[in-house]
Amino acid sequence: MRSIWKGTVSFGLVSIGVKLYTATEEKDVSFHQVRRSDASRIRYKRVAESDGAEVAYGDIAKGYQLPSGETVVLNDEDFADLPLPTARTVDVLQFVPADEIDPIYFAKSYYLEPEQNAVKPYVLLREALTESGKVGIVKVAIRNREQLATLRVRLGVIVMETMIWPDEVREPAFGFLDQDVSIRPQELQMAESLVESMAGHFDPDQFTDNYREALQEVIDAKIDGREVVEPEEAQPTAGKVVDLMSALRASVEAAKRGRGEVSAVSKSIAAAEPAKKAPAKKAAAKKAPAKKAAAKKAPAKKAAARKSA
């Protein structure tokens, strides 16, 4: 890995020299835009909108457009005078419990490696974080943008998680939040049973990117000159769930079968659906005394036979 930033972690009166490394990478199949006929690469040029002339990178400045449509041009000198005290410093502000931070604030992860002369204070901070069970709240500037971040320990290395600011989180103003939706206790009980039947321990290695693997197979087949045959699979049908309890029950049984467990939901179903079983006995009692009408119903059977013929 190549470090992308060097600075110090300011921990009280202790300064720890560190190098910053990107901790994650997105693996995807990358493509170039090409001309279909001969696979010639498509290139883009930086041109001015007013006259179409190509502009050198050194002649490009930043422009802020006003509501009136006018543009204010900002040069490098304008940015040089801006205060950015965290340009080379990870400033620890406080320590908080990790579960108090909503994961929606997290943006990107970075590894912090200590400089050769800062290993001992680095290890000291690492052990303090581990023993306290807390994470450090810090401020840091990366690529001329000051960000909030946290410090935590993973596999013996301090990881810095950059965060977005509170005013960058959108409010979920959805209409269904104002609806009065009633959930029956039986439905909640069955939903909880489904959650419990699908419970487990998170192992990231058991999940794969099926689309990326299939796309790579298509590319390999193109290289080898083979014909790619895509197997047809049954597509799920979209529609409304008429009986929520039936769907939950089927989901619980399917989850338990997938885990090799014996289906043991009959007791919970019986306890969850007393209202459905009671009317069934009354209906059976009403049908029993209808013996006299048997002779009258006989022609109806013949008519049914004629219709079927």
C-alpha atoms as a PDB file:
ATOM      1  CA  MET A   1       0.000   0.000   0.000  1.00  0.00           C
ATOM      2  CA  ARG A   2       1.060   3.577  -0.610  1.00  0.00           C
ATOM      3  CA  SER A   3       0.452   6.246   2.006  1.00  0.00           C
ATOM      4  CA  ILE A   4      -1.732   9.127   0.864  1.00  0.00           C
ATOM      5  CA  TRP A   5      -1.146  11.479   3.812  1.00  0.00           C
ATOM      6  CA  LYS A   6       1.390  12.114   6.558  1.00  0.00           C
ATOM      7  CA  GLY A   7       0.799  13.969   9.784  1.00  0.00           C
ATOM      8  CA  THR A   8       0.455  13.630  13.541  1.00  0.00           C
ATOM      9  CA  VAL A   9      -2.217  12.443  15.926  1.00  0.00           C
ATOM     10  CA  SER A  10      -2.569  15.059  18.654  1.00  0.00           C
ATOM     11  CA  PHE A  11      -3.507  13.127  21.811  1.00  0.00           C
ATOM     12  CA  GLY A  12      -3.489  15.657  24.639  1.00  0.00           C
ATOM     13  CA  LEU A  13       0.138  16.775  24.898  1.00  0.00           C
ATOM     14  CA  VAL A  14       1.316  13.683  23.005  1.00  0.00           C
ATOM     15  CA  SER A  15       1.992  13.855  19.273  1.00  0.00           C
ATOM     16  CA  ILE A  16       2.123  10.631  17.263  1.00  0.00           C
ATOM     17  CA  GLY A  17       3.573  10.740  13.768  1.00  0.00           C
ATOM     18  CA  VAL A  18       1.466   8.593  11.425  1.00  0.00           C
ATOM     19  CA  LYS A  19       0.978   7.682   7.782  1.00  0.00           C
ATOM     20  CA  LEU A  20      -2.495   7.352   6.290  1.00  0.00           C
ATOM     21  CA  TYR A  21      -3.495   4.461   4.031  1.00  0.00           C
ATOM     22  CA  THR A  22      -6.802   3.733   2.331  1.00  0.00           C
ATOM     23  CA  ALA A  23      -8.201   0.697   4.153  1.00  0.00           C
ATOM     24  CA  THR A  24     -10.772  -0.406   1.582  1.00  0.00           C
ATOM     25  CA  GLU A  25     -11.070  -0.710  -2.169  1.00  0.00           C
ATOM     26  CA  GLU A  26     -14.072  -1.304  -4.390  1.00  0.00           C
ATOM     27  CA  LYS A  27     -13.498  -4.247  -6.700  1.00  0.00           C
ATOM     28  CA  ASP A  28     -15.411  -3.880  -9.916  1.00  0.00           C
ATOM     29  CA  VAL A  29     -14.889  -4.702 -13.568  1.00  0.00           C
ATOM     30  CA  SER A  30     -13.757  -1.465 -15.192  1.00  0.00           C
ATOM     31  CA  PHE A  31     -14.491  -0.559 -18.796  1.00  0.00           C
ATOM     32  CA  HIS A  32     -13.361   2.072 -21.285  1.00  0.00           C
ATOM     33  CA  GLN A  33     -15.683   3.807 -23.688  1.00  0.00           C
ATOM     34  CA  VAL A  34     -14.726   2.744 -27.221  1.00  0.00           C
ATOM     35  CA  ARG A  35     -16.068   3.094 -30.721  1.00  0.00           C
ATOM     36  CA  ARG A  36     -18.175   0.043 -31.518  1.00  0.00           C
ATOM     37  CA  SER A  37     -16.738  -0.539 -35.005  1.00  0.00           C
ATOM     38  CA  ASP A  38     -13.008  -0.718 -34.185  1.00  0.00           C
ATOM     39  CA  ALA A  39     -12.732  -0.465 -30.343  1.00  0.00           C
ATOM     40  CA  SER A  40     -10.922   2.879 -30.612  1.00  0.00           C
ATOM     41  CA  ARG A  41     -10.757   4.658 -27.227  1.00  0.00           C
ATOM     42  CA  ILE A  42     -13.056   7.641 -26.684  1.00  0.00           C
ATOM     43  CA  ARG A  43     -11.207  10.616 -25.188  1.00  0.00           C
ATOM     44  CA  TYR A  44     -12.598  13.760 -23.616  1.00  0.00           C
ATOM     45  CA  LYS A  45     -11.186  17.252 -23.890  1.00  0.00           C
ATOM     46  CA  ARG A  46     -11.599  20.207 -21.537  1.00  0.00           C
ATOM     47  CA  VAL A  47     -13.175  22.911 -23.669  1.00  0.00           C
ATOM     48  CA  ALA A  48     -14.590  26.326 -22.827  1.00  0.00           C
ATOM     49  CA  GLU A  49     -18.327  26.588 -23.218  1.00  0.00           C
ATOM     50  CA  SER A  50     -18.223  30.047 -24.769  1.00  0.00           C
ATOM     51  CA  ASP A  51     -15.966  29.380 -27.777  1.00  0.00           C
ATOM     52  CA  GLY A  52     -15.211  25.628 -27.698  1.00  0.00           C
ATOM     53  CA  ALA A  53     -11.451  26.208 -27.306  1.00  0.00           C
ATOM     54  CA  GLU A  54      -9.481  23.539 -25.413  1.00  0.00           C
ATOM     55  CA  VAL A  55      -8.263  24.743 -21.985  1.00  0.00           C
ATOM     56  CA  ALA A  56      -5.010  23.630 -20.366  1.00  0.00           C
ATOM     57  CA  TYR A  57      -5.296  22.194 -16.859  1.00  0.00           C
ATOM     58  CA  GLY A  58      -3.144  24.997 -15.430  1.00  0.00           C
ATOM     59  CA  ASP A  59      -5.619  27.608 -16.707  1.00  0.00           C
ATOM     60  CA  ILE A  60      -8.597  26.082 -14.903  1.00  0.00           C
ATOM     61  CA  ALA A  61      -9.932  27.819 -11.766  1.00  0.00           C
ATOM     62  CA  LYS A  62     -12.922  27.173  -9.522  1.00  0.00           C
ATOM     63  CA  GLY A  63     -16.125  29.074 -10.128  1.00  0.00           C
ATOM     64  CA  TYR A  64     -19.036  29.609  -7.732  1.00  0.00           C
ATOM     65  CA  GLN A  65     -22.280  30.339  -9.512  1.00  0.00           C
ATOM     66  CA  LEU A  66     -24.633  32.884  -7.946  1.00  0.00           C
ATOM     67  CA  PRO A  67     -28.425  32.549  -8.039  1.00  0.00           C
ATOM     68  CA  SER A  68     -28.455  35.344 -10.622  1.00  0.00           C
ATOM     69  CA  GLY A  69     -26.365  33.199 -12.985  1.00  0.00           C
ATOM     70  CA  GLU A  70     -23.159  35.186 -12.513  1.00  0.00           C
ATOM     71  CA  THR A  71     -19.967  33.356 -11.537  1.00  0.00           C
ATOM     72  CA  VAL A  72     -17.366  34.252  -8.927  1.00  0.00           C
ATOM     73  CA  VAL A  73     -13.896  32.962  -9.852  1.00  0.00           C
ATOM     74  CA  LEU A  74     -11.649  31.651  -7.028  1.00  0.00           C
ATOM     75  CA  ASN A  75      -7.915  31.093  -7.586  1.00  0.00           C
ATOM     76  CA  ASP A  76      -5.328  29.172  -5.588  1.00  0.00           C
ATOM     77  CA  GLU A  77      -4.403  32.353  -3.708  1.00  0.00           C
ATOM     78  CA  ASP A  78      -7.957  32.640  -2.378  1.00  0.00           C
ATOM     79  CA  PHE A  79      -7.790  29.153  -0.858  1.00  0.00           C
ATOM     80  CA  ALA A  80      -4.276  29.595   0.529  1.00  0.00           C
ATOM     81  CA  ASP A  81      -5.421  32.108   3.157  1.00  0.00           C
ATOM     82  CA  LEU A  82      -8.240  29.925   4.518  1.00  0.00           C
ATOM     83  CA  PRO A  83      -7.687  28.578   8.071  1.00  0.00           C
ATOM     84  CA  LEU A  84      -7.132  24.806   8.046  1.00  0.00           C
ATOM     85  CA  PRO A  85      -5.413  23.856  11.315  1.00  0.00           C
ATOM     86  CA  THR A  86      -6.055  20.136  10.797  1.00  0.00           C
ATOM     87  CA  ALA A  87      -4.223  20.016   7.454  1.00  0.00           C
ATOM     88  CA  ARG A  88      -1.475  17.839   8.938  1.00  0.00           C
ATOM     89  CA  THR A  89      -2.937  16.993  12.330  1.00  0.00           C
ATOM     90  CA  VAL A  90      -5.487  14.472  13.567  1.00  0.00           C
ATOM     91  CA  ASP A  91      -6.847  16.423  16.521  1.00  0.00           C
ATOM     92  CA  VAL A  92      -8.475  14.188  19.165  1.00  0.00           C
ATOM     93  CA  LEU A  93     -11.469  16.053  20.635  1.00  0.00           C
ATOM     94  CA  GLN A  94     -13.062  13.510  22.983  1.00  0.00           C
ATOM     95  CA  PHE A  95     -13.746   9.814  23.586  1.00  0.00           C
ATOM     96  CA  VAL A  96     -17.274   8.373  23.387  1.00  0.00           C
ATOM     97  CA  PRO A  97     -18.921   4.916  23.445  1.00  0.00           C
ATOM     98  CA  ALA A  98     -18.993   3.413  19.963  1.00  0.00           C
ATOM     99  CA  ASP A  99     -22.702   2.517  20.144  1.00  0.00           C
ATOM    100  CA  GLU A 100     -23.625   6.194  20.496  1.00  0.00           C
ATOM    101  CA  ILE A 101     -22.624   6.904  16.885  1.00  0.00           C
ATOM    102  CA  ASP A 102     -25.186   6.218  14.187  1.00  0.00           C
ATOM    103  CA  PRO A 103     -23.494   4.265  11.350  1.00  0.00           C
ATOM    104  CA  ILE A 104     -25.094   6.625   8.824  1.00  0.00           C
ATOM    105  CA  TYR A 105     -22.367   9.158   9.658  1.00  0.00           C
ATOM    106  CA  PHE A 106     -19.486   6.912   8.568  1.00  0.00           C
ATOM    107  CA  ALA A 107     -17.965   7.601   5.140  1.00  0.00           C
ATOM    108  CA  LYS A 108     -14.576   5.930   4.521  1.00  0.00           C
ATOM    109  CA  SER A 109     -11.963   3.900   6.414  1.00  0.00           C
ATOM    110  CA  TYR A 110      -8.221   4.546   6.674  1.00  0.00           C
ATOM    111  CA  TYR A 111      -5.365   2.721   8.394  1.00  0.00           C
ATOM    112  CA  LEU A 112      -2.952   4.705  10.543  1.00  0.00           C
ATOM    113  CA  GLU A 113       0.621   3.438  10.629  1.00  0.00           C
ATOM    114  CA  PRO A 114       3.050   4.946  13.162  1.00  0.00           C
ATOM    115  CA  GLU A 115       6.313   6.534  12.119  1.00  0.00           C
ATOM    116  CA  GLN A 116       9.392   4.644  13.287  1.00  0.00           C
ATOM    117  CA  ASN A 117       9.988   7.013  16.212  1.00  0.00           C
ATOM    118  CA  ALA A 118       6.327   7.033  17.295  1.00  0.00           C
ATOM    119  CA  VAL A 119       5.588   3.339  17.799  1.00  0.00           C
ATOM    120  CA  LYS A 120       5.408   3.470  21.611  1.00  0.00           C
ATOM    121  CA  PRO A 121       2.880   6.349  21.899  1.00  0.00           C
ATOM    122  CA  TYR A 122       0.902   4.758  19.057  1.00  0.00           C
ATOM    123  CA  VAL A 123       0.683   1.460  20.948  1.00  0.00           C
ATOM    124  CA  LEU A 124      -0.215   3.376  24.106  1.00  0.00           C
ATOM    125  CA  LEU A 125      -3.169   5.047  22.365  1.00  0.00           C
ATOM    126  CA  ARG A 126      -4.200   1.735  20.824  1.00  0.00           C
ATOM    127  CA  GLU A 127      -4.257  -0.027  24.189  1.00  0.00           C
ATOM    128  CA  ALA A 128      -6.134   2.854  25.822  1.00  0.00           C
ATOM    129  CA  LEU A 129      -8.832   2.645  23.143  1.00  0.00           C
ATOM    130  CA  THR A 130      -9.056  -1.131  23.512  1.00  0.00           C
ATOM    131  CA  GLU A 131      -9.275  -1.138  27.310  1.00  0.00           C
ATOM    132  CA  SER A 132     -11.775   1.720  27.503  1.00  0.00           C
ATOM    133  CA  GLY A 133     -14.087   0.342  24.820  1.00  0.00           C
ATOM    134  CA  LYS A 134     -14.465   3.853  23.447  1.00  0.00           C
ATOM    135  CA  VAL A 135     -13.653   5.517  20.140  1.00  0.00           C
ATOM    136  CA  GLY A 136     -11.884   8.819  19.679  1.00  0.00           C
ATOM    137  CA  ILE A 137     -13.672  11.707  17.986  1.00  0.00           C
ATOM    138  CA  VAL A 138     -11.210  13.666  15.859  1.00  0.00           C
ATOM    139  CA  LYS A 139     -11.000  16.385  13.245  1.00  0.00           C
ATOM    140  CA  VAL A 140      -8.796  15.963  10.189  1.00  0.00           C
ATOM    141  CA  ALA A 141      -8.368  17.664   6.828  1.00  0.00           C
ATOM    142  CA  ILE A 142      -7.888  15.422   3.798  1.00  0.00           C
ATOM    143  CA  ARG A 143      -7.572  16.971   0.334  1.00  0.00           C
ATOM    144  CA  ASN A 144      -8.372  20.455   1.684  1.00  0.00           C
ATOM    145  CA  ARG A 145     -11.618  19.341   3.268  1.00  0.00           C
ATOM    146  CA  GLU A 146     -11.990  19.243   7.042  1.00  0.00           C
ATOM    147  CA  GLN A 147     -13.870  16.204   8.257  1.00  0.00           C
ATOM    148  CA  LEU A 148     -15.086  14.667  11.470  1.00  0.00           C
ATOM    149  CA  ALA A 149     -13.755  11.158  12.116  1.00  0.00           C
ATOM    150  CA  THR A 150     -13.414   8.419  14.699  1.00  0.00           C
ATOM    151  CA  LEU A 151     -10.434   6.372  15.858  1.00  0.00           C
ATOM    152  CA  ARG A 152     -10.941   2.702  16.713  1.00  0.00           C
ATOM    153  CA  VAL A 153      -8.808  -0.447  16.806  1.00  0.00           C
ATOM    154  CA  ARG A 154      -9.000  -3.291  14.288  1.00  0.00           C
ATOM    155  CA  LEU A 155      -6.537  -6.202  14.163  1.00  0.00           C
ATOM    156  CA  GLY A 156      -3.997  -4.263  16.210  1.00  0.00           C
ATOM    157  CA  VAL A 157      -4.117  -1.199  13.944  1.00  0.00           C
ATOM    158  CA  ILE A 158      -5.812   2.132  14.621  1.00  0.00           C
ATOM    159  CA  VAL A 159      -8.467   2.756  11.990  1.00  0.00           C
ATOM    160  CA  MET A 160      -9.736   6.230  11.221  1.00  0.00           C
ATOM    161  CA  GLU A 161     -13.337   6.382   9.974  1.00  0.00           C
ATOM    162  CA  THR A 162     -14.175   9.683   8.310  1.00  0.00           C
ATOM    163  CA  MET A 163     -17.681  10.976   8.930  1.00  0.00           C
ATOM    164  CA  ILE A 164     -20.095  13.361   7.303  1.00  0.00           C
ATOM    165  CA  TRP A 165     -21.330  16.436   9.124  1.00  0.00           C
ATOM    166  CA  PRO A 166     -24.791  16.425  10.757  1.00  0.00           C
ATOM    167  CA  ASP A 167     -26.218  18.877   8.208  1.00  0.00           C
ATOM    168  CA  GLU A 168     -25.239  16.446   5.425  1.00  0.00           C
ATOM    169  CA  VAL A 169     -27.673  13.766   6.638  1.00  0.00           C
ATOM    170  CA  ARG A 170     -31.057  14.001   4.946  1.00  0.00           C
ATOM    171  CA  GLU A 171     -34.256  13.763   6.960  1.00  0.00           C
ATOM    172  CA  PRO A 172     -36.447  10.745   6.043  1.00  0.00           C
ATOM    173  CA  ALA A 173     -39.631  12.722   5.381  1.00  0.00           C
ATOM    174  CA  PHE A 174     -41.738   9.840   4.039  1.00  0.00           C
ATOM    175  CA  GLY A 175     -45.507   9.847   4.027  1.00  0.00           C
ATOM    176  CA  PHE A 176     -45.963   6.372   5.488  1.00  0.00           C
ATOM    177  CA  LEU A 177     -44.463   7.559   8.801  1.00  0.00           C
ATOM    178  CA  ASP A 178     -47.677   9.500   9.455  1.00  0.00           C
ATOM    179  CA  GLN A 179     -49.954   6.533   8.708  1.00  0.00           C
ATOM    180  CA  ASP A 180     -51.587   4.654  11.556  1.00  0.00           C
ATOM    181  CA  VAL A 181     -50.637   1.058  10.782  1.00  0.00           C
ATOM    182  CA  SER A 182     -51.947  -1.585  13.179  1.00  0.00           C
ATOM    183  CA  ILE A 183     -49.881  -4.720  13.715  1.00  0.00           C
ATOM    184  CA  ARG A 184     -51.570  -7.720  15.286  1.00  0.00           C
ATOM    185  CA  PRO A 185     -49.703  -9.504  18.090  1.00  0.00           C
ATOM    186  CA  GLN A 186     -49.858 -12.751  16.069  1.00  0.00           C
ATOM    187  CA  GLU A 187     -48.128 -11.081  13.124  1.00  0.00           C
ATOM    188  CA  LEU A 188     -45.431  -9.616  15.344  1.00  0.00           C
ATOM    189  CA  GLN A 189     -44.892 -12.981  17.020  1.00  0.00           C
ATOM    190  CA  MET A 190     -44.492 -14.717  13.662  1.00  0.00           C
ATOM    191  CA  ALA A 191     -42.149 -11.986  12.385  1.00  0.00           C
ATOM    192  CA  GLU A 192     -39.984 -12.372  15.487  1.00  0.00           C
ATOM    193  CA  SER A 193     -39.966 -16.141  14.921  1.00  0.00           C
ATOM    194  CA  LEU A 194     -38.733 -15.533  11.370  1.00  0.00           C
ATOM    195  CA  VAL A 195     -35.955 -13.260  12.624  1.00  0.00           C
ATOM    196  CA  GLU A 196     -34.918 -15.849  15.185  1.00  0.00           C
ATOM    197  CA  SER A 197     -34.909 -18.669  12.611  1.00  0.00           C
ATOM    198  CA  MET A 198     -32.614 -16.607  10.345  1.00  0.00           C
ATOM    199  CA  ALA A 199     -30.295 -15.479  13.140  1.00  0.00           C
ATOM    200  CA  GLY A 200     -26.579 -16.191  12.901  1.00  0.00           C
ATOM    201  CA  HIS A 201     -23.101 -14.702  13.195  1.00  0.00           C
ATOM    202  CA  PHE A 202     -21.775 -12.348  10.540  1.00  0.00           C
ATOM    203  CA  ASP A 203     -19.077 -13.905   8.373  1.00  0.00           C
ATOM    204  CA  PRO A 204     -18.259 -11.610   5.430  1.00  0.00           C
ATOM    205  CA  ASP A 205     -16.459 -14.421   3.570  1.00  0.00           C
ATOM    206  CA  GLN A 206     -19.710 -16.277   2.956  1.00  0.00           C
ATOM    207  CA  PHE A 207     -21.117 -13.470   0.803  1.00  0.00           C
ATOM    208  CA  THR A 208     -20.013 -12.965  -2.796  1.00  0.00           C
ATOM    209  CA  ASP A 209     -20.691 -10.529  -5.609  1.00  0.00           C
ATOM    210  CA  ASN A 210     -22.529 -12.828  -8.019  1.00  0.00           C
ATOM    211  CA  TYR A 211     -22.958 -10.151 -10.663  1.00  0.00           C
ATOM    212  CA  ARG A 212     -19.244  -9.355 -10.796  1.00  0.00           C
ATOM    213  CA  GLU A 213     -18.345 -13.042 -11.038  1.00  0.00           C
ATOM    214  CA  ALA A 214     -20.842 -13.597 -13.860  1.00  0.00           C
ATOM    215  CA  LEU A 215     -19.571 -10.507 -15.681  1.00  0.00           C
ATOM    216  CA  GLN A 216     -16.002 -11.767 -15.420  1.00  0.00           C
ATOM    217  CA  GLU A 217     -17.106 -15.085 -16.910  1.00  0.00           C
ATOM    218  CA  VAL A 218     -18.635 -13.232 -19.849  1.00  0.00           C
ATOM    219  CA  ILE A 219     -15.366 -11.369 -20.421  1.00  0.00           C
ATOM    220  CA  ASP A 220     -13.317 -14.581 -20.160  1.00  0.00           C
ATOM    221  CA  ALA A 221     -15.627 -16.255 -22.640  1.00  0.00           C
ATOM    222  CA  LYS A 222     -15.162 -13.361 -25.057  1.00  0.00           C
ATOM    223  CA  ILE A 223     -11.407 -13.728 -24.733  1.00  0.00           C
ATOM    224  CA  ASP A 224     -11.529 -17.489 -25.368  1.00  0.00           C
ATOM    225  CA  GLY A 225     -13.954 -17.101 -28.255  1.00  0.00           C
ATOM    226  CA  ARG A 226     -16.528 -19.311 -26.591  1.00  0.00           C
ATOM    227  CA  GLU A 227     -20.276 -18.865 -26.801  1.00  0.00           C
ATOM    228  CA  VAL A 228     -21.779 -17.703 -23.553  1.00  0.00           C
ATOM    229  CA  VAL A 229     -24.950 -19.514 -22.565  1.00  0.00           C
ATOM    230  CA  GLU A 230     -26.955 -17.936 -19.806  1.00  0.00           C
ATOM    231  CA  PRO A 231     -29.141 -20.404 -17.918  1.00  0.00           C
ATOM    232  CA  GLU A 232     -32.766 -19.425 -17.565  1.00  0.00           C
ATOM    233  CA  GLU A 233     -33.961 -19.045 -14.029  1.00  0.00           C
ATOM    234  CA  ALA A 234     -37.445 -18.628 -12.708  1.00  0.00           C
ATOM    235  CA  GLN A 235     -38.066 -14.976 -12.024  1.00  0.00           C
ATOM    236  CA  PRO A 236     -39.934 -14.043  -8.845  1.00  0.00           C
ATOM    237  CA  THR A 237     -43.433 -12.806  -9.473  1.00  0.00           C
ATOM    238  CA  ALA A 238     -44.286  -9.400  -8.108  1.00  0.00           C
ATOM    239  CA  GLY A 239     -47.573  -8.916  -6.360  1.00  0.00           C
ATOM    240  CA  LYS A 240     -49.318  -8.024  -3.132  1.00  0.00           C
ATOM    241  CA  VAL A 241     -49.089 -10.327  -0.136  1.00  0.00           C
ATOM    242  CA  VAL A 242     -52.707 -11.186   0.611  1.00  0.00           C
ATOM    243  CA  ASP A 243     -52.150 -13.183   3.798  1.00  0.00           C
ATOM    244  CA  LEU A 244     -49.283 -11.773   5.851  1.00  0.00           C
ATOM    245  CA  MET A 245     -49.401 -14.595   8.377  1.00  0.00           C
ATOM    246  CA  SER A 246     -49.140 -17.257   5.653  1.00  0.00           C
ATOM    247  CA  ALA A 247     -46.163 -15.489   4.115  1.00  0.00           C
ATOM    248  CA  LEU A 248     -44.427 -15.224   7.494  1.00  0.00           C
ATOM    249  CA  ARG A 249     -45.158 -18.870   8.304  1.00  0.00           C
ATOM    250  CA  ALA A 250     -43.786 -20.038   4.958  1.00  0.00           C
ATOM    251  CA  SER A 251     -40.704 -17.865   5.421  1.00  0.00           C
ATOM    252  CA  VAL A 252     -40.001 -19.339   8.865  1.00  0.00           C
ATOM    253  CA  GLU A 253     -40.343 -22.905   7.587  1.00  0.00           C
ATOM    254  CA  ALA A 254     -38.154 -22.167   4.543  1.00  0.00           C
ATOM    255  CA  ALA A 255     -35.477 -20.583   6.743  1.00  0.00           C
ATOM    256  CA  LYS A 256     -35.419 -23.583   9.062  1.00  0.00           C
ATOM    257  CA  ARG A 257     -35.288 -26.032   6.164  1.00  0.00           C
ATOM    258  CA  GLY A 258     -32.370 -24.066   4.720  1.00  0.00           C
ATOM    259  CA  ARG A 259     -30.501 -24.433   7.997  1.00  0.00           C
ATOM    260  CA  GLY A 260     -31.261 -28.170   8.210  1.00  0.00           C
ATOM    261  CA  GLU A 261     -33.570 -27.774  11.189  1.00  0.00           C
ATOM    262  CA  VAL A 262     -36.795 -29.657  11.727  1.00  0.00           C
ATOM    263  CA  SER A 263     -39.802 -27.387  11.316  1.00  0.00           C
ATOM    264  CA  ALA A 264     -41.202 -26.742  14.771  1.00  0.00           C
ATOM    265  CA  VAL A 265     -43.603 -23.888  14.166  1.00  0.00           C
ATOM    266  CA  SER A 266     -46.863 -25.788  14.635  1.00  0.00           C
ATOM    267  CA  LYS A 267     -47.107 -24.847  18.308  1.00  0.00           C
ATOM    268  CA  SER A 268     -46.384 -21.190  17.652  1.00  0.00           C
ATOM    269  CA  ILE A 269     -48.881 -21.144  14.774  1.00  0.00           C
ATOM    270  CA  ALA A 270     -51.560 -22.717  16.948  1.00  0.00           C
ATOM    271  CA  ALA A 271     -50.925 -20.130  19.632  1.00  0.00           C
ATOM    272  CA  ALA A 272     -50.813 -17.295  17.151  1.00  0.00           C
ATOM    273  CA  GLU A 273     -54.034 -18.111  15.244  1.00  0.00           C
ATOM    274  CA  PRO A 274     -56.762 -19.032  17.735  1.00  0.00           C
ATOM    275  CA  ALA A 275     -59.290 -16.815  15.960  1.00  0.00           C
ATOM    276  CA  LYS A 276     -59.032 -18.710  12.654  1.00  0.00           C
ATOM    277  CA  LYS A 277     -59.571 -22.207  14.138  1.00  0.00           C
ATOM    278  CA  ALA A 278     -62.634 -21.372  16.275  1.00  0.00           C
ATOM    279  CA  PRO A 279     -65.049 -20.459  13.399  1.00  0.00           C
ATOM    280  CA  ALA A 280     -64.105 -23.706  11.562  1.00  0.00           C
ATOM    281  CA  LYS A 281     -65.924 -25.844  14.195  1.00  0.00           C
ATOM    282  CA  LYS A 282     -69.100 -23.747  13.967  1.00  0.00           C
ATOM    283  CA  ALA A 283     -69.201 -24.091  10.207  1.00  0.00           C
ATOM    284  CA  ALA A 284     -68.912 -27.875  10.467  1.00  0.00           C
ATOM    285  CA  ALA A 285     -71.779 -27.989  12.965  1.00  0.00           C
ATOM    286  CA  LYS A 286     -74.136 -26.120  10.601  1.00  0.00           C
ATOM    287  CA  LYS A 287     -73.508 -28.473   7.670  1.00  0.00           C
ATOM    288  CA  ALA A 288     -74.282 -31.675   9.652  1.00  0.00           C
ATOM    289  CA  PRO A 289     -78.176 -31.553   9.843  1.00  0.00           C
ATOM    290  CA  ALA A 290     -78.688 -31.044   6.077  1.00  0.00           C
ATOM    291  CA  LYS A 291     -79.810 -34.694   5.353  1.00  0.00           C
ATOM    292  CA  LYS A 292     -83.347 -33.992   4.031  1.00  0.00           C
ATOM    293  CA  ALA A 293     -82.064 -31.806   1.294  1.00  0.00           C
ATOM    294  CA  ALA A 294     -79.964 -34.635  -0.151  1.00  0.00           C
ATOM    295  CA  ALA A 295     -82.702 -35.723  -2.602  1.00  0.00           C
ATOM    296  CA  LYS A 296     -83.182 -32.180  -3.858  1.00  0.00           C
ATOM    297  CA  LYS A 297     -79.457 -31.723  -4.402  1.00  0.00           C
ATOM    298  CA  ALA A 298     -79.173 -34.818  -6.642  1.00  0.00           C
ATOM    299  CA  PRO A 299     -80.356 -33.070  -9.864  1.00  0.00           C
ATOM    300  CA  ALA A 300     -77.795 -30.366  -9.241  1.00  0.00           C
ATOM    301  CA  LYS A 301     -75.049 -32.989  -9.533  1.00  0.00           C
ATOM    302  CA  LYS A 302     -76.393 -34.135 -12.892  1.00  0.00           C
ATOM    303  CA  ALA A 303     -76.469 -30.597 -14.152  1.00  0.00           C
ATOM    304  CA  ALA A 304     -72.894 -30.190 -13.097  1.00  0.00           C
ATOM    305  CA  ALA A 305     -72.016 -33.358 -15.016  1.00  0.00           C
ATOM    306  CA  ARG A 306     -73.664 -31.990 -18.166  1.00  0.00           C
ATOM    307  CA  LYS A 307     -71.756 -28.770 -17.880  1.00  0.00           C
ATOM    308  CA  SER A 308     -68.469 -30.552 -17.506  1.00  0.00           C
ATOM    309  CA  ALA A 309     -69.292 -32.755 -20.543  1.00  0.00           C
END
